Amino acid sequence: MVNGKIQFNLKNCQTETAKLCSCVEDLGKTLDLTRKTVFAISLALEELFVNIVSYGFKDDLEHLIGVSIHQEDGTLVIRIEDDGIPFNPENEDAPDVKCPLEKSKIGGLGIHLARKMMDEIAYERRDGKNIIVMKKYLKFN
């Protein structure tokens, strides 16, 4: 963590999930975050990352997904940026979690989980890129 901020790029490949989770674990140790907070951040990031890799690109080329995380006034600010097809998770309806599993529609649960785990999520499309900014209000050990 340099100047209170970490930045890294991930390839659009599911195997990069391990790197993502490792970075969040390291950040949690550095900032002395609670296990619950580290879990929430890791789950939200992983769900969004998997969605980007699974549905975000129309080609088989390698793309980079940028992640930056910094602390700001007791809040962890997480930014995910990709050059995939436009997708605003704010436009997705929450899934019917009370619906029996065999009748539920496929998709949307990852975004729902990210919303539940984080305190704020915002989206914008700028310069051909999807930018998701998530905020988590910090609790320390």
C-alpha atoms as a PDB file:
ATOM      1  CA  MET A   1       0.000   0.000   0.000  1.00  0.00           C
ATOM      2  CA  VAL A   2       1.631   3.244  -1.145  1.00  0.00           C
ATOM      3  CA  ASN A   3       0.363   6.581   0.181  1.00  0.00           C
ATOM      4  CA  GLY A   4      -2.711   4.836   1.561  1.00  0.00           C
ATOM      5  CA  LYS A   5      -3.684   3.503  -1.868  1.00  0.00           C
ATOM      6  CA  ILE A   6      -3.260   0.252  -3.753  1.00  0.00           C
ATOM      7  CA  GLN A   7      -3.725  -0.160  -7.478  1.00  0.00           C
ATOM      8  CA  PHE A   8      -3.445  -3.262  -9.593  1.00  0.00           C
ATOM      9  CA  ASN A   9      -4.651  -4.716 -12.867  1.00  0.00           C
ATOM     10  CA  LEU A  10      -6.230  -8.090 -13.395  1.00  0.00           C
ATOM     11  CA  LYS A  11      -6.550  -9.937 -16.674  1.00  0.00           C
ATOM     12  CA  ASN A  12     -10.052 -10.876 -17.770  1.00  0.00           C
ATOM     13  CA  CYS A  13      -9.535 -14.430 -16.605  1.00  0.00           C
ATOM     14  CA  GLN A  14     -11.266 -16.285 -13.761  1.00  0.00           C
ATOM     15  CA  THR A  15      -7.897 -17.443 -12.378  1.00  0.00           C
ATOM     16  CA  GLU A  16      -7.145 -13.829 -11.428  1.00  0.00           C
ATOM     17  CA  THR A  17      -9.760 -14.100  -8.674  1.00  0.00           C
ATOM     18  CA  ALA A  18      -7.102 -15.535  -6.343  1.00  0.00           C
ATOM     19  CA  LYS A  19      -4.919 -12.447  -6.857  1.00  0.00           C
ATOM     20  CA  LEU A  20      -7.896 -10.200  -6.151  1.00  0.00           C
ATOM     21  CA  CYS A  21      -8.745 -11.990  -2.903  1.00  0.00           C
ATOM     22  CA  SER A  22      -5.105 -12.000  -1.808  1.00  0.00           C
ATOM     23  CA  CYS A  23      -4.850  -8.238  -2.301  1.00  0.00           C
ATOM     24  CA  VAL A  24      -7.986  -7.676  -0.220  1.00  0.00           C
ATOM     25  CA  GLU A  25      -6.651  -9.949   2.545  1.00  0.00           C
ATOM     26  CA  ASP A  26      -3.345  -8.053   2.593  1.00  0.00           C
ATOM     27  CA  LEU A  27      -5.197  -4.749   2.714  1.00  0.00           C
ATOM     28  CA  GLY A  28      -7.298  -5.989   5.612  1.00  0.00           C
ATOM     29  CA  LYS A  29      -4.169  -6.876   7.585  1.00  0.00           C
ATOM     30  CA  THR A  30      -2.475  -3.574   6.760  1.00  0.00           C
ATOM     31  CA  LEU A  31      -5.490  -1.519   7.836  1.00  0.00           C
ATOM     32  CA  ASP A  32      -6.403  -3.856  10.734  1.00  0.00           C
ATOM     33  CA  LEU A  33      -9.934  -4.321   9.373  1.00  0.00           C
ATOM     34  CA  THR A  34     -12.426  -6.668  10.987  1.00  0.00           C
ATOM     35  CA  ARG A  35     -12.854 -10.117   9.396  1.00  0.00           C
ATOM     36  CA  LYS A  36     -16.464  -9.186   8.622  1.00  0.00           C
ATOM     37  CA  THR A  37     -15.348  -6.088   6.692  1.00  0.00           C
ATOM     38  CA  VAL A  38     -12.666  -8.001   4.769  1.00  0.00           C
ATOM     39  CA  PHE A  39     -15.224 -10.680   3.895  1.00  0.00           C
ATOM     40  CA  ALA A  40     -17.753  -8.102   2.665  1.00  0.00           C
ATOM     41  CA  ILE A  41     -15.199  -6.286   0.502  1.00  0.00           C
ATOM     42  CA  SER A  42     -13.794  -9.516  -0.895  1.00  0.00           C
ATOM     43  CA  LEU A  43     -17.227 -10.934  -1.728  1.00  0.00           C
ATOM     44  CA  ALA A  44     -18.436  -7.745  -3.424  1.00  0.00           C
ATOM     45  CA  LEU A  45     -15.258  -7.384  -5.486  1.00  0.00           C
ATOM     46  CA  GLU A  46     -15.199 -11.043  -6.433  1.00  0.00           C
ATOM     47  CA  GLU A  47     -18.833 -11.035  -7.557  1.00  0.00           C
ATOM     48  CA  LEU A  48     -18.380  -7.948  -9.734  1.00  0.00           C
ATOM     49  CA  PHE A  49     -15.055  -9.207 -11.128  1.00  0.00           C
ATOM     50  CA  VAL A  50     -16.573 -12.572 -12.088  1.00  0.00           C
ATOM     51  CA  ASN A  51     -19.466 -10.783 -13.811  1.00  0.00           C
ATOM     52  CA  ILE A  52     -17.069  -8.575 -15.773  1.00  0.00           C
ATOM     53  CA  VAL A  53     -14.982 -11.568 -16.880  1.00  0.00           C
ATOM     54  CA  SER A  54     -18.018 -13.729 -17.679  1.00  0.00           C
ATOM     55  CA  TYR A  55     -20.190 -11.199 -19.521  1.00  0.00           C
ATOM     56  CA  GLY A  56     -18.214  -8.020 -20.161  1.00  0.00           C
ATOM     57  CA  PHE A  57     -16.307  -8.766 -23.348  1.00  0.00           C
ATOM     58  CA  LYS A  58     -17.495  -9.801 -26.806  1.00  0.00           C
ATOM     59  CA  ASP A  59     -14.060 -11.009 -27.930  1.00  0.00           C
ATOM     60  CA  ASP A  60     -11.495 -13.529 -26.712  1.00  0.00           C
ATOM     61  CA  LEU A  61      -8.735 -10.940 -26.377  1.00  0.00           C
ATOM     62  CA  GLU A  62      -6.936 -10.150 -23.160  1.00  0.00           C
ATOM     63  CA  HIS A  63      -8.332  -7.117 -21.365  1.00  0.00           C
ATOM     64  CA  LEU A  64      -7.188  -5.485 -18.160  1.00  0.00           C
ATOM     65  CA  ILE A  65      -9.529  -4.722 -15.303  1.00  0.00           C
ATOM     66  CA  GLY A  66      -8.166  -1.960 -13.084  1.00  0.00           C
ATOM     67  CA  VAL A  67      -8.765  -1.966  -9.355  1.00  0.00           C
ATOM     68  CA  SER A  68      -7.818   0.804  -6.963  1.00  0.00           C
ATOM     69  CA  ILE A  69      -8.562   0.984  -3.261  1.00  0.00           C
ATOM     70  CA  HIS A  70      -7.895   3.820  -0.875  1.00  0.00           C
ATOM     71  CA  GLN A  71      -9.012   4.982   2.524  1.00  0.00           C
ATOM     72  CA  GLU A  72     -10.761   8.326   2.791  1.00  0.00           C
ATOM     73  CA  ASP A  73     -12.227   9.735   6.014  1.00  0.00           C
ATOM     74  CA  GLY A  74     -13.050   6.366   7.588  1.00  0.00           C
ATOM     75  CA  THR A  75     -14.347   4.940   4.317  1.00  0.00           C
ATOM     76  CA  LEU A  76     -12.703   2.483   1.971  1.00  0.00           C
ATOM     77  CA  VAL A  77     -13.221   3.603  -1.634  1.00  0.00           C
ATOM     78  CA  ILE A  78     -12.935   0.863  -4.242  1.00  0.00           C
ATOM     79  CA  ARG A  79     -12.856   1.600  -7.964  1.00  0.00           C
ATOM     80  CA  ILE A  80     -13.185  -1.037 -10.688  1.00  0.00           C
ATOM     81  CA  GLU A  81     -12.607  -0.005 -14.287  1.00  0.00           C
ATOM     82  CA  ASP A  82     -12.939  -2.078 -17.453  1.00  0.00           C
ATOM     83  CA  ASP A  83     -13.239  -1.502 -21.193  1.00  0.00           C
ATOM     84  CA  GLY A  84     -16.011  -4.041 -21.653  1.00  0.00           C
ATOM     85  CA  ILE A  85     -19.486  -3.570 -23.015  1.00  0.00           C
ATOM     86  CA  PRO A  86     -21.538  -0.927 -21.178  1.00  0.00           C
ATOM     87  CA  PHE A  87     -23.221  -2.375 -18.116  1.00  0.00           C
ATOM     88  CA  ASN A  88     -24.757  -0.405 -15.298  1.00  0.00           C
ATOM     89  CA  PRO A  89     -25.384  -2.651 -12.276  1.00  0.00           C
ATOM     90  CA  GLU A  90     -27.616   0.062 -10.803  1.00  0.00           C
ATOM     91  CA  ASN A  91     -30.174  -0.748 -13.525  1.00  0.00           C
ATOM     92  CA  GLU A  92     -30.478  -4.377 -12.459  1.00  0.00           C
ATOM     93  CA  ASP A  93     -33.510  -5.376 -10.417  1.00  0.00           C
ATOM     94  CA  ALA A  94     -32.902  -7.174  -7.157  1.00  0.00           C
ATOM     95  CA  PRO A  95     -33.587 -10.894  -7.457  1.00  0.00           C
ATOM     96  CA  ASP A  96     -36.568 -12.418  -5.693  1.00  0.00           C
ATOM     97  CA  VAL A  97     -34.666 -14.173  -2.909  1.00  0.00           C
ATOM     98  CA  LYS A  98     -37.920 -15.607  -1.516  1.00  0.00           C
ATOM     99  CA  CYS A  99     -38.671 -17.430  -4.770  1.00  0.00           C
ATOM    100  CA  PRO A 100     -38.043 -21.208  -4.664  1.00  0.00           C
ATOM    101  CA  LEU A 101     -34.675 -22.054  -6.207  1.00  0.00           C
ATOM    102  CA  GLU A 102     -36.162 -24.145  -9.023  1.00  0.00           C
ATOM    103  CA  LYS A 103     -38.354 -21.198 -10.097  1.00  0.00           C
ATOM    104  CA  SER A 104     -35.794 -18.403  -9.738  1.00  0.00           C
ATOM    105  CA  LYS A 105     -34.284 -16.771 -12.790  1.00  0.00           C
ATOM    106  CA  ILE A 106     -30.590 -17.077 -13.516  1.00  0.00           C
ATOM    107  CA  GLY A 107     -28.431 -14.033 -12.840  1.00  0.00           C
ATOM    108  CA  GLY A 108     -28.460 -10.941 -10.691  1.00  0.00           C
ATOM    109  CA  LEU A 109     -27.494 -12.570  -7.410  1.00  0.00           C
ATOM    110  CA  GLY A 110     -23.849 -11.404  -7.580  1.00  0.00           C
ATOM    111  CA  ILE A 111     -24.858  -7.773  -8.008  1.00  0.00           C
ATOM    112  CA  HIS A 112     -27.414  -8.180  -5.220  1.00  0.00           C
ATOM    113  CA  LEU A 113     -24.693  -9.541  -2.914  1.00  0.00           C
ATOM    114  CA  ALA A 114     -22.348  -6.688  -3.784  1.00  0.00           C
ATOM    115  CA  ARG A 115     -25.076  -4.165  -2.962  1.00  0.00           C
ATOM    116  CA  LYS A 116     -25.732  -5.877   0.382  1.00  0.00           C
ATOM    117  CA  MET A 117     -22.044  -6.061   1.319  1.00  0.00           C
ATOM    118  CA  MET A 118     -21.136  -2.464   0.475  1.00  0.00           C
ATOM    119  CA  ASP A 119     -22.520   0.791   1.834  1.00  0.00           C
ATOM    120  CA  GLU A 120     -22.589   2.625  -1.514  1.00  0.00           C
ATOM    121  CA  ILE A 121     -22.230   1.636  -5.167  1.00  0.00           C
ATOM    122  CA  ALA A 122     -22.150   4.060  -8.079  1.00  0.00           C
ATOM    123  CA  TYR A 123     -21.627   3.550 -11.817  1.00  0.00           C
ATOM    124  CA  GLU A 124     -20.563   5.712 -14.707  1.00  0.00           C
ATOM    125  CA  ARG A 125     -19.489   5.136 -18.298  1.00  0.00           C
ATOM    126  CA  ARG A 126     -16.611   7.405 -19.293  1.00  0.00           C
ATOM    127  CA  ASP A 127     -14.165   7.306 -22.202  1.00  0.00           C
ATOM    128  CA  GLY A 128     -15.351   3.866 -23.295  1.00  0.00           C
ATOM    129  CA  LYS A 129     -14.979   2.389 -19.816  1.00  0.00           C
ATOM    130  CA  ASN A 130     -17.286   1.066 -17.123  1.00  0.00           C
ATOM    131  CA  ILE A 131     -16.378   2.573 -13.767  1.00  0.00           C
ATOM    132  CA  ILE A 132     -17.860   1.202 -10.582  1.00  0.00           C
ATOM    133  CA  VAL A 133     -17.097   2.961  -7.309  1.00  0.00           C
ATOM    134  CA  MET A 134     -18.004   1.182  -4.104  1.00  0.00           C
ATOM    135  CA  LYS A 135     -17.697   2.492  -0.567  1.00  0.00           C
ATOM    136  CA  LYS A 136     -17.458   0.589   2.678  1.00  0.00           C
ATOM    137  CA  TYR A 137     -17.622   2.417   5.994  1.00  0.00           C
ATOM    138  CA  LEU A 138     -14.763   1.035   8.053  1.00  0.00           C
ATOM    139  CA  LYS A 139     -14.808  -0.769  11.346  1.00  0.00           C
ATOM    140  CA  PHE A 140     -11.483  -1.609  12.905  1.00  0.00           C
ATOM    141  CA  ASN A 141     -10.394  -4.429  15.219  1.00  0.00           C
END
